[in-house]
Amino acid sequence: MSFKPTKKQQNEAMAGVFELYHNPINENRYDHYIYSFLNALMLYPDDFKQALELTSKLNNQLIQPLTEPEKELAYQQLETRWADDLFD
């Protein structure tokens, strides 16, 4: 499965990364992590390692960054949301 975001999508993702970096969503850390991950994937669709590194940097902007078990829960939430969207 290959994914190639448009330039507009990548520009929107870059704006999202900028916003999350400077204004982290501390009141909902899981959403912050999920948005960080999705924006990073838009910027680095062919380099999963780079996307995870950017996600980690954005996670570290939180007052209380997600721990490894919390990151796993965030990915589970994302998977559930995707599944719900696919079958609705």
C-alpha atoms as a PDB file:
ATOM      1  CA  MET A   1       0.000   0.000   0.000  1.00  0.00           C
ATOM      2  CA  SER A   2       1.534   3.250  -1.126  1.00  0.00           C
ATOM      3  CA  PHE A   3       0.464   6.663   0.068  1.00  0.00           C
ATOM      4  CA  LYS A   4       1.576   9.929  -1.499  1.00  0.00           C
ATOM      5  CA  PRO A   5       0.082  13.048   0.113  1.00  0.00           C
ATOM      6  CA  THR A   6      -0.462  16.110  -2.031  1.00  0.00           C
ATOM      7  CA  LYS A   7       1.593  19.244  -1.481  1.00  0.00           C
ATOM      8  CA  LYS A   8      -1.475  20.891   0.082  1.00  0.00           C
ATOM      9  CA  GLN A   9      -1.878  17.998   2.521  1.00  0.00           C
ATOM     10  CA  GLN A  10       1.792  18.201   3.443  1.00  0.00           C
ATOM     11  CA  ASN A  11       1.528  21.970   3.975  1.00  0.00           C
ATOM     12  CA  GLU A  12      -1.465  21.418   6.256  1.00  0.00           C
ATOM     13  CA  ALA A  13       0.465  18.726   8.134  1.00  0.00           C
ATOM     14  CA  MET A  14       3.417  21.091   8.573  1.00  0.00           C
ATOM     15  CA  ALA A  15       1.064  23.743   9.961  1.00  0.00           C
ATOM     16  CA  GLY A  16      -0.365  21.098  12.299  1.00  0.00           C
ATOM     17  CA  VAL A  17       3.114  20.130  13.494  1.00  0.00           C
ATOM     18  CA  PHE A  18       3.958  23.787  14.108  1.00  0.00           C
ATOM     19  CA  GLU A  19       0.741  24.264  16.096  1.00  0.00           C
ATOM     20  CA  LEU A  20       1.274  21.114  18.181  1.00  0.00           C
ATOM     21  CA  TYR A  21       4.877  22.065  18.881  1.00  0.00           C
ATOM     22  CA  HIS A  22       4.079  25.573  20.074  1.00  0.00           C
ATOM     23  CA  ASN A  23       0.656  24.881  21.621  1.00  0.00           C
ATOM     24  CA  PRO A  24       0.604  21.285  22.878  1.00  0.00           C
ATOM     25  CA  ILE A  25      -2.797  19.818  23.771  1.00  0.00           C
ATOM     26  CA  ASN A  26      -1.984  19.183  27.431  1.00  0.00           C
ATOM     27  CA  GLU A  27      -5.610  18.678  28.455  1.00  0.00           C
ATOM     28  CA  ASN A  28      -5.951  15.674  26.100  1.00  0.00           C
ATOM     29  CA  ARG A  29      -2.545  14.078  25.750  1.00  0.00           C
ATOM     30  CA  TYR A  30      -3.809  11.105  23.721  1.00  0.00           C
ATOM     31  CA  ASP A  31      -5.289  13.346  21.026  1.00  0.00           C
ATOM     32  CA  HIS A  32      -2.051  15.346  20.964  1.00  0.00           C
ATOM     33  CA  TYR A  33      -0.090  12.152  20.345  1.00  0.00           C
ATOM     34  CA  ILE A  34      -2.494  10.877  17.669  1.00  0.00           C
ATOM     35  CA  TYR A  35      -2.504  14.219  15.807  1.00  0.00           C
ATOM     36  CA  SER A  36       1.282  14.331  16.047  1.00  0.00           C
ATOM     37  CA  PHE A  37       1.567  10.845  14.568  1.00  0.00           C
ATOM     38  CA  LEU A  38      -0.882  11.529  11.729  1.00  0.00           C
ATOM     39  CA  ASN A  39       0.811  14.815  10.780  1.00  0.00           C
ATOM     40  CA  ALA A  40       4.219  13.120  10.873  1.00  0.00           C
ATOM     41  CA  LEU A  41       2.948  10.384   8.539  1.00  0.00           C
ATOM     42  CA  MET A  42       1.773  13.043   6.086  1.00  0.00           C
ATOM     43  CA  LEU A  43       5.226  14.627   6.111  1.00  0.00           C
ATOM     44  CA  TYR A  44       7.174  11.359   5.930  1.00  0.00           C
ATOM     45  CA  PRO A  45       4.903   8.813   4.178  1.00  0.00           C
ATOM     46  CA  ASP A  46       7.871   6.713   3.036  1.00  0.00           C
ATOM     47  CA  ASP A  47       9.972   6.928   6.204  1.00  0.00           C
ATOM     48  CA  PHE A  48       8.175   5.456   9.199  1.00  0.00           C
ATOM     49  CA  LYS A  49      11.236   5.847  11.435  1.00  0.00           C
ATOM     50  CA  GLN A  50      11.400   9.591  10.709  1.00  0.00           C
ATOM     51  CA  ALA A  51       7.661   9.911  11.366  1.00  0.00           C
ATOM     52  CA  LEU A  52       8.065   8.226  14.763  1.00  0.00           C
ATOM     53  CA  GLU A  53      10.999  10.494  15.634  1.00  0.00           C
ATOM     54  CA  LEU A  54       8.917  13.593  14.885  1.00  0.00           C
ATOM     55  CA  THR A  55       6.018  12.144  16.886  1.00  0.00           C
ATOM     56  CA  SER A  56       8.380  11.598  19.815  1.00  0.00           C
ATOM     57  CA  LYS A  57       9.641  15.196  19.638  1.00  0.00           C
ATOM     58  CA  LEU A  58       6.080  16.512  19.671  1.00  0.00           C
ATOM     59  CA  ASN A  59       5.176  14.182  22.555  1.00  0.00           C
ATOM     60  CA  ASN A  60       8.053  15.669  24.537  1.00  0.00           C
ATOM     61  CA  GLN A  61       6.434  19.120  24.243  1.00  0.00           C
ATOM     62  CA  LEU A  62       3.677  18.000  26.589  1.00  0.00           C
ATOM     63  CA  ILE A  63       3.898  18.954  30.263  1.00  0.00           C
ATOM     64  CA  GLN A  64       3.600  15.233  30.989  1.00  0.00           C
ATOM     65  CA  PRO A  65       4.654  13.242  27.896  1.00  0.00           C
ATOM     66  CA  LEU A  66       2.952   9.922  27.253  1.00  0.00           C
ATOM     67  CA  THR A  67       4.729   6.867  28.611  1.00  0.00           C
ATOM     68  CA  GLU A  68       5.262   3.773  26.468  1.00  0.00           C
ATOM     69  CA  PRO A  69       2.081   2.039  27.756  1.00  0.00           C
ATOM     70  CA  GLU A  70       0.111   5.250  27.142  1.00  0.00           C
ATOM     71  CA  LYS A  71       1.494   5.465  23.606  1.00  0.00           C
ATOM     72  CA  GLU A  72       0.203   1.949  22.990  1.00  0.00           C
ATOM     73  CA  LEU A  73      -3.235   3.041  24.218  1.00  0.00           C
ATOM     74  CA  ALA A  74      -3.112   6.046  21.872  1.00  0.00           C
ATOM     75  CA  TYR A  75      -2.372   3.748  18.912  1.00  0.00           C
ATOM     76  CA  GLN A  76      -5.267   1.510  19.990  1.00  0.00           C
ATOM     77  CA  GLN A  77      -7.581   4.543  20.078  1.00  0.00           C
ATOM     78  CA  LEU A  78      -6.418   5.506  16.592  1.00  0.00           C
ATOM     79  CA  GLU A  79      -6.998   1.973  15.311  1.00  0.00           C
ATOM     80  CA  THR A  80     -10.502   1.976  16.798  1.00  0.00           C
ATOM     81  CA  ARG A  81     -11.306   5.359  15.236  1.00  0.00           C
ATOM     82  CA  TRP A  82     -10.073   4.180  11.829  1.00  0.00           C
ATOM     83  CA  ALA A  83     -12.101   0.979  12.072  1.00  0.00           C
ATOM     84  CA  ASP A  84     -15.202   2.939  13.092  1.00  0.00           C
ATOM     85  CA  ASP A  85     -14.750   5.283  10.116  1.00  0.00           C
ATOM     86  CA  LEU A  86     -14.258   2.390   7.701  1.00  0.00           C
ATOM     87  CA  PHE A  87     -17.387   0.523   8.753  1.00  0.00           C
ATOM     88  CA  ASP A  88     -19.735   3.480   9.213  1.00  0.00           C
END
